[in-house]
Amino acid sequence: MRKILFTFMICAALFLAMPATARADMGPKPSVQITFTGTDGRTYYGTLLSQHRSTGPASAWDGYSEPNIRDQDGGEEIWSKFASYEDIDGFYFLQEWWKCSENDQLNWIYYPPTPFKILLYFPENDAFYISPIYESYAFDSYFTVDLSEYQQGSLTAKKSYDYTWELISFGARMVCTILLELAIALLFGYRGKKVLTFLAIVNIFTQLALNIVLNLVNYNSGPFAFMLVLIPLELAVLMIEAVLYVSRLPAYSAKTHPKARAAAYALAANAASYESGLWLAYLIPGIF
């Protein structure tokens, strides 16, 4: 038992050594998603101005380093327009922007700023549209902006939470997590209907608990509280799964496996789902 506990402590230490943005499962990433109507086919670009100089990997230009332009729509010309905008409340441009006219949406899917202002730029008449200050109100905060109702100095956004899409997104994450962790189980030598069913049930339980708690914390207390509870919740998921696997897997398996293998499997399965979740977040934004 001491050897098992030592192995698990090493696993937990390695897990905590992962970047702070790690997820115990293919968990959701906080986002702000804005839909625009009444655009009349005009070309426009959009960003969110931040009360703080940085959020996640995004940050304001310091005036000295190389501008963060990469391959973003409009290149240096649009970057310079947003960078030169002076907000009356001192909000910052974090060098992230989108050509919103392509789909009439602005989707900041990886640690969006909050509080924030919506800033739109229309090249055809070199005009900016700016909103009042808004805050994220849920883990994934949805807003709708009707540009046909725009009045100078007041770009009004209305909350439009998409419950149907959130359920679809959660279902997709759960299915992918379970399939991946069952595949890892096969690599660790765990086979048989009873064993795989047990592993699936444990994953359903931890996924439900993790997603519900994260959503409630972020919905009620915002992204800073979310970040504070993220690592403890990740560790709790790892510990719960490791304890259940070590104590219960022998009862469901026809073969005898070392208990230390169960703890190692818990770490490997969570690490694999974390890495896959980050990769899929870029391929299918808004779901992972």
Protein backbone atom coordinates (compact mmCIF):
# COMPACT_ATOMS: atom_id res chain seq x y z
CA MET A 1 0.00 0.00 0.00
CA ARG A 2 2.89 2.38 0.75
CA LYS A 3 4.29 1.72 -2.69
CA ILE A 4 0.91 2.53 -4.23
CA LEU A 5 0.58 5.76 -2.26
CA PHE A 6 4.11 6.77 -3.26
CA THR A 7 3.32 6.10 -6.90
CA PHE A 8 0.13 8.13 -6.67
CA MET A 9 1.93 11.05 -4.98
CA ILE A 10 4.39 11.13 -7.87
CA CYS A 11 1.48 11.03 -10.32
CA ALA A 12 -0.23 13.91 -8.55
CA ALA A 13 2.98 15.96 -8.48
CA LEU A 14 3.44 15.47 -12.20
CA PHE A 15 -0.18 16.40 -12.81
CA LEU A 16 0.17 19.63 -10.81
CA ALA A 17 3.34 20.45 -12.75
CA MET A 18 1.24 20.84 -15.89
CA PRO A 19 0.42 24.40 -17.03
CA ALA A 20 -2.30 26.19 -15.08
CA THR A 21 -4.58 25.92 -18.10
CA ALA A 22 -4.67 22.14 -17.86
CA ARG A 23 -7.95 20.28 -17.62
CA ALA A 24 -8.61 17.04 -15.78
CA ASP A 25 -10.80 16.04 -18.71
CA MET A 26 -11.78 17.50 -22.05
CA GLY A 27 -13.41 20.24 -20.06
CA PRO A 28 -14.85 23.45 -21.49
CA LYS A 29 -12.87 26.66 -21.84
CA PRO A 30 -14.45 29.98 -20.77
CA SER A 31 -15.70 31.99 -23.74
CA VAL A 32 -17.55 35.09 -24.86
CA GLN A 33 -19.53 34.61 -28.05
CA ILE A 34 -21.25 37.56 -29.72
CA THR A 35 -23.66 37.41 -32.66
CA PHE A 36 -24.28 40.53 -34.76
CA THR A 37 -27.46 41.29 -36.69
CA GLY A 38 -28.45 44.21 -38.94
CA THR A 39 -25.00 44.44 -40.52
CA ASP A 40 -26.27 45.12 -44.09
CA GLY A 41 -23.37 43.14 -45.56
CA ARG A 42 -20.73 45.63 -44.44
CA THR A 43 -17.14 44.55 -43.79
CA TYR A 44 -16.16 45.01 -40.16
CA TYR A 45 -13.65 43.78 -37.61
CA GLY A 46 -14.18 43.25 -33.90
CA THR A 47 -12.33 42.82 -30.62
CA LEU A 48 -12.96 42.93 -26.88
CA LEU A 49 -11.20 45.65 -24.93
CA SER A 50 -10.04 44.61 -21.46
CA GLN A 51 -9.91 46.39 -18.12
CA HIS A 52 -6.68 44.46 -17.47
CA ARG A 53 -3.48 44.37 -19.53
CA SER A 54 -3.64 40.62 -20.12
CA THR A 55 -5.81 37.53 -19.94
CA GLY A 56 -4.57 34.02 -20.68
CA PRO A 57 -2.03 34.29 -23.54
CA ALA A 58 -3.43 37.63 -24.81
CA SER A 59 -1.85 40.90 -23.70
CA ALA A 60 -1.68 44.59 -24.59
CA TRP A 61 1.21 45.90 -26.67
CA ASP A 62 3.98 47.34 -24.52
CA GLY A 63 5.14 49.80 -27.19
CA TYR A 64 8.51 48.08 -27.67
CA SER A 65 8.14 44.41 -28.52
CA GLU A 66 7.06 43.00 -31.87
CA PRO A 67 3.30 43.47 -32.40
CA ASN A 68 1.31 40.27 -32.08
CA ILE A 69 -0.12 40.18 -35.60
CA ARG A 70 0.58 36.62 -36.81
CA ASP A 71 -1.89 35.71 -39.55
CA GLN A 72 -4.89 37.57 -38.14
CA ASP A 73 -7.39 39.07 -40.59
CA GLY A 74 -6.41 42.47 -41.98
CA GLY A 75 -2.83 42.19 -40.78
CA GLU A 76 -0.85 45.21 -39.63
CA GLU A 77 -3.37 47.72 -41.00
CA ILE A 78 -6.22 46.50 -38.78
CA TRP A 79 -3.87 45.92 -35.84
CA SER A 80 -2.69 49.53 -36.02
CA LYS A 81 -6.29 50.79 -36.09
CA PHE A 82 -7.24 48.91 -32.92
CA ALA A 83 -3.88 49.68 -31.25
CA SER A 84 -4.33 53.41 -31.83
CA TYR A 85 -7.86 53.48 -30.38
CA GLU A 86 -7.94 55.39 -27.09
CA ASP A 87 -10.72 54.25 -24.80
CA ILE A 88 -12.18 56.86 -22.45
CA ASP A 89 -12.17 54.35 -19.58
CA GLY A 90 -8.62 53.20 -20.23
CA PHE A 91 -9.52 49.70 -21.45
CA TYR A 92 -6.77 47.84 -23.33
CA PHE A 93 -6.60 46.28 -26.79
CA LEU A 94 -5.12 42.79 -26.24
CA GLN A 95 -3.99 42.28 -29.86
CA GLU A 96 -6.71 39.75 -30.63
CA TRP A 97 -9.32 40.56 -33.27
CA TRP A 98 -11.57 38.93 -35.86
CA LYS A 99 -13.11 39.73 -39.22
CA CYS A 100 -16.62 39.44 -37.85
CA SER A 101 -18.34 40.12 -41.17
CA GLU A 102 -17.39 36.62 -42.38
CA ASN A 103 -20.00 34.99 -40.14
CA ASP A 104 -21.40 37.94 -38.13
CA GLN A 105 -19.84 36.59 -34.95
CA LEU A 106 -17.05 37.36 -32.51
CA ASN A 107 -15.97 34.26 -30.61
CA TRP A 108 -13.29 34.71 -27.95
CA ILE A 109 -13.02 31.09 -26.86
CA TYR A 110 -9.85 31.03 -24.75
CA TYR A 111 -9.91 33.09 -21.54
CA PRO A 112 -11.74 36.19 -22.77
CA PRO A 113 -11.35 39.44 -20.81
CA THR A 114 -13.89 40.47 -18.22
CA PRO A 115 -14.99 43.18 -17.70
CA PHE A 116 -14.82 44.06 -21.39
CA LYS A 117 -16.05 46.43 -24.07
CA ILE A 118 -17.04 45.42 -27.60
CA LEU A 119 -15.13 47.46 -30.19
CA LEU A 120 -15.96 47.24 -33.90
CA TYR A 121 -14.08 48.86 -36.78
CA PHE A 122 -15.65 49.56 -40.19
CA PRO A 123 -12.94 50.21 -42.85
CA GLU A 124 -15.32 51.60 -45.48
CA ASN A 125 -15.87 54.79 -43.48
CA ASP A 126 -12.99 54.43 -41.00
CA ALA A 127 -15.45 54.31 -38.08
CA PHE A 128 -15.38 52.68 -34.64
CA TYR A 129 -18.42 51.41 -32.75
CA ILE A 130 -17.92 50.98 -29.00
CA SER A 131 -20.12 49.44 -26.32
CA PRO A 132 -20.55 50.12 -22.60
CA ILE A 133 -18.81 47.84 -20.11
CA TYR A 134 -20.06 44.25 -19.92
CA GLU A 135 -19.02 41.21 -17.89
CA SER A 136 -19.13 37.48 -18.51
CA TYR A 137 -22.25 36.14 -16.84
CA ALA A 138 -21.70 32.41 -17.39
CA PHE A 139 -18.98 29.92 -18.25
CA ASP A 140 -19.88 30.52 -21.90
CA SER A 141 -21.46 33.97 -22.17
CA TYR A 142 -23.58 34.62 -25.26
CA PHE A 143 -24.60 38.09 -26.43
CA THR A 144 -26.50 39.47 -29.43
CA VAL A 145 -25.85 42.94 -30.88
CA ASP A 146 -28.26 44.54 -33.36
CA LEU A 147 -26.17 47.00 -35.37
CA SER A 148 -29.26 48.50 -36.97
CA GLU A 149 -30.13 49.94 -33.55
CA TYR A 150 -26.68 51.47 -33.00
CA GLN A 151 -26.58 54.96 -31.52
CA GLN A 152 -23.38 56.94 -31.12
CA GLY A 153 -21.52 55.77 -28.02
CA SER A 154 -23.93 52.93 -27.27
CA LEU A 155 -23.36 49.54 -28.90
CA THR A 156 -25.94 47.56 -26.94
CA ALA A 157 -25.43 43.85 -26.29
CA LYS A 158 -28.20 41.59 -24.99
CA LYS A 159 -27.65 38.32 -23.18
CA SER A 160 -28.65 35.36 -25.33
CA TYR A 161 -27.49 32.22 -23.54
CA ASP A 162 -27.65 29.18 -25.83
CA TYR A 163 -28.82 26.32 -23.59
CA THR A 164 -29.29 23.90 -26.49
CA TRP A 165 -25.74 24.38 -27.76
CA GLU A 166 -24.31 24.03 -24.24
CA LEU A 167 -26.02 20.64 -23.87
CA ILE A 168 -24.70 19.51 -27.25
CA SER A 169 -21.22 20.76 -26.35
CA PHE A 170 -21.28 18.98 -22.99
CA GLY A 171 -22.49 15.74 -24.60
CA ALA A 172 -19.70 15.87 -27.19
CA ARG A 173 -17.05 16.39 -24.51
CA MET A 174 -18.40 13.53 -22.43
CA VAL A 175 -18.51 11.06 -25.33
CA CYS A 176 -14.99 11.95 -26.49
CA THR A 177 -13.57 11.72 -22.96
CA ILE A 178 -15.13 8.32 -22.30
CA LEU A 179 -14.01 6.86 -25.65
CA LEU A 180 -10.46 8.13 -25.19
CA GLU A 181 -10.12 6.89 -21.61
CA LEU A 182 -11.52 3.48 -22.55
CA ALA A 183 -8.95 3.29 -25.34
CA ILE A 184 -6.21 4.08 -22.81
CA ALA A 185 -7.64 1.36 -20.56
CA LEU A 186 -7.15 -1.20 -23.33
CA LEU A 187 -3.51 -0.15 -23.63
CA PHE A 188 -3.11 -0.76 -19.89
CA GLY A 189 -4.51 -4.26 -20.28
CA TYR A 190 -7.99 -3.63 -18.87
CA ARG A 191 -10.48 -5.61 -20.91
CA GLY A 192 -13.91 -7.10 -20.53
CA LYS A 193 -17.43 -5.72 -20.45
CA LYS A 194 -17.57 -5.31 -16.67
CA VAL A 195 -14.27 -3.41 -16.44
CA LEU A 196 -15.03 -1.06 -19.32
CA THR A 197 -18.56 -0.42 -18.06
CA PHE A 198 -17.17 0.47 -14.62
CA LEU A 199 -14.63 2.87 -16.15
CA ALA A 200 -17.34 4.51 -18.26
CA ILE A 201 -19.59 5.02 -15.22
CA VAL A 202 -16.73 6.59 -13.22
CA ASN A 203 -15.98 8.97 -16.11
CA ILE A 204 -19.63 9.96 -16.46
CA PHE A 205 -19.72 10.74 -12.75
CA THR A 206 -16.50 12.81 -12.72
CA GLN A 207 -17.41 14.63 -15.96
CA LEU A 208 -20.83 15.58 -14.63
CA ALA A 209 -19.42 16.75 -11.30
CA LEU A 210 -16.53 18.69 -12.85
CA ASN A 211 -18.63 20.47 -15.47
CA ILE A 212 -21.49 21.32 -13.10
CA VAL A 213 -19.19 22.77 -10.43
CA LEU A 214 -17.08 24.75 -12.94
CA ASN A 215 -20.16 26.17 -14.62
CA LEU A 216 -21.80 27.13 -11.32
CA VAL A 217 -18.62 28.78 -10.00
CA ASN A 218 -18.03 30.74 -13.19
CA TYR A 219 -21.70 31.66 -13.62
CA ASN A 220 -22.02 33.00 -10.08
CA SER A 221 -18.51 34.27 -9.29
CA GLY A 222 -16.76 34.87 -12.60
CA PRO A 223 -13.55 33.63 -14.23
CA PHE A 224 -11.19 34.59 -11.39
CA ALA A 225 -13.03 32.30 -8.99
CA PHE A 226 -13.04 29.69 -11.76
CA MET A 227 -9.24 29.84 -11.95
CA LEU A 228 -8.93 29.53 -8.17
CA VAL A 229 -10.96 26.31 -8.01
CA LEU A 230 -9.65 24.80 -11.25
CA ILE A 231 -6.48 23.11 -9.94
CA PRO A 232 -8.12 21.79 -6.73
CA LEU A 233 -10.95 20.33 -8.81
CA GLU A 234 -8.51 18.76 -11.25
CA LEU A 235 -6.62 17.16 -8.39
CA ALA A 236 -9.87 16.00 -6.81
CA VAL A 237 -10.92 14.29 -10.06
CA LEU A 238 -7.54 12.57 -10.33
CA MET A 239 -7.67 11.41 -6.70
CA ILE A 240 -11.25 10.16 -6.94
CA GLU A 241 -10.55 8.18 -10.09
CA ALA A 242 -7.28 6.77 -8.74
CA VAL A 243 -8.88 5.64 -5.47
CA LEU A 244 -11.85 4.05 -7.25
CA TYR A 245 -9.63 2.30 -9.77
CA VAL A 246 -7.19 1.00 -7.15
CA SER A 247 -9.95 -0.26 -4.83
CA ARG A 248 -12.62 -1.45 -7.28
CA LEU A 249 -11.02 -2.48 -10.58
CA PRO A 250 -9.88 -5.91 -9.24
CA ALA A 251 -13.50 -6.79 -8.51
CA TYR A 252 -14.49 -6.24 -12.15
CA SER A 253 -11.43 -7.68 -13.89
CA ALA A 254 -10.98 -11.35 -14.74
CA LYS A 255 -7.21 -10.87 -14.59
CA THR A 256 -5.15 -9.71 -11.63
CA HIS A 257 -3.38 -6.41 -12.22
CA PRO A 258 -0.97 -4.56 -9.89
CA LYS A 259 -2.77 -1.84 -7.96
CA ALA A 260 -0.04 0.63 -8.88
CA ARG A 261 -1.07 0.18 -12.51
CA ALA A 262 -4.56 1.49 -11.70
CA ALA A 263 -3.09 4.71 -10.25
CA ALA A 264 -0.82 5.09 -13.25
CA TYR A 265 -3.79 4.56 -15.55
CA ALA A 266 -5.72 7.35 -13.80
CA LEU A 267 -2.89 9.78 -14.50
CA ALA A 268 -2.31 8.61 -18.08
CA ALA A 269 -6.02 8.78 -18.96
CA ASN A 270 -6.43 12.29 -17.54
CA ALA A 271 -3.23 13.54 -19.15
CA ALA A 272 -4.26 12.13 -22.54
CA SER A 273 -7.73 13.70 -22.36
CA TYR A 274 -6.18 17.04 -21.33
CA GLU A 275 -3.78 17.11 -24.28
CA SER A 276 -6.51 16.02 -26.69
CA GLY A 277 -8.85 18.65 -25.27
CA LEU A 278 -6.38 21.45 -25.98
CA TRP A 279 -5.83 20.19 -29.53
CA LEU A 280 -9.55 19.85 -30.23
CA ALA A 281 -10.22 23.30 -28.76
CA TYR A 282 -8.41 24.77 -31.73
CA LEU A 283 -10.00 22.43 -34.28
CA ILE A 284 -13.58 22.75 -33.00
CA PRO A 285 -13.81 26.01 -31.02
CA GLY A 286 -16.78 26.42 -28.74
CA ILE A 287 -17.19 22.70 -27.98
CA PHE A 288 -13.90 21.76 -26.27
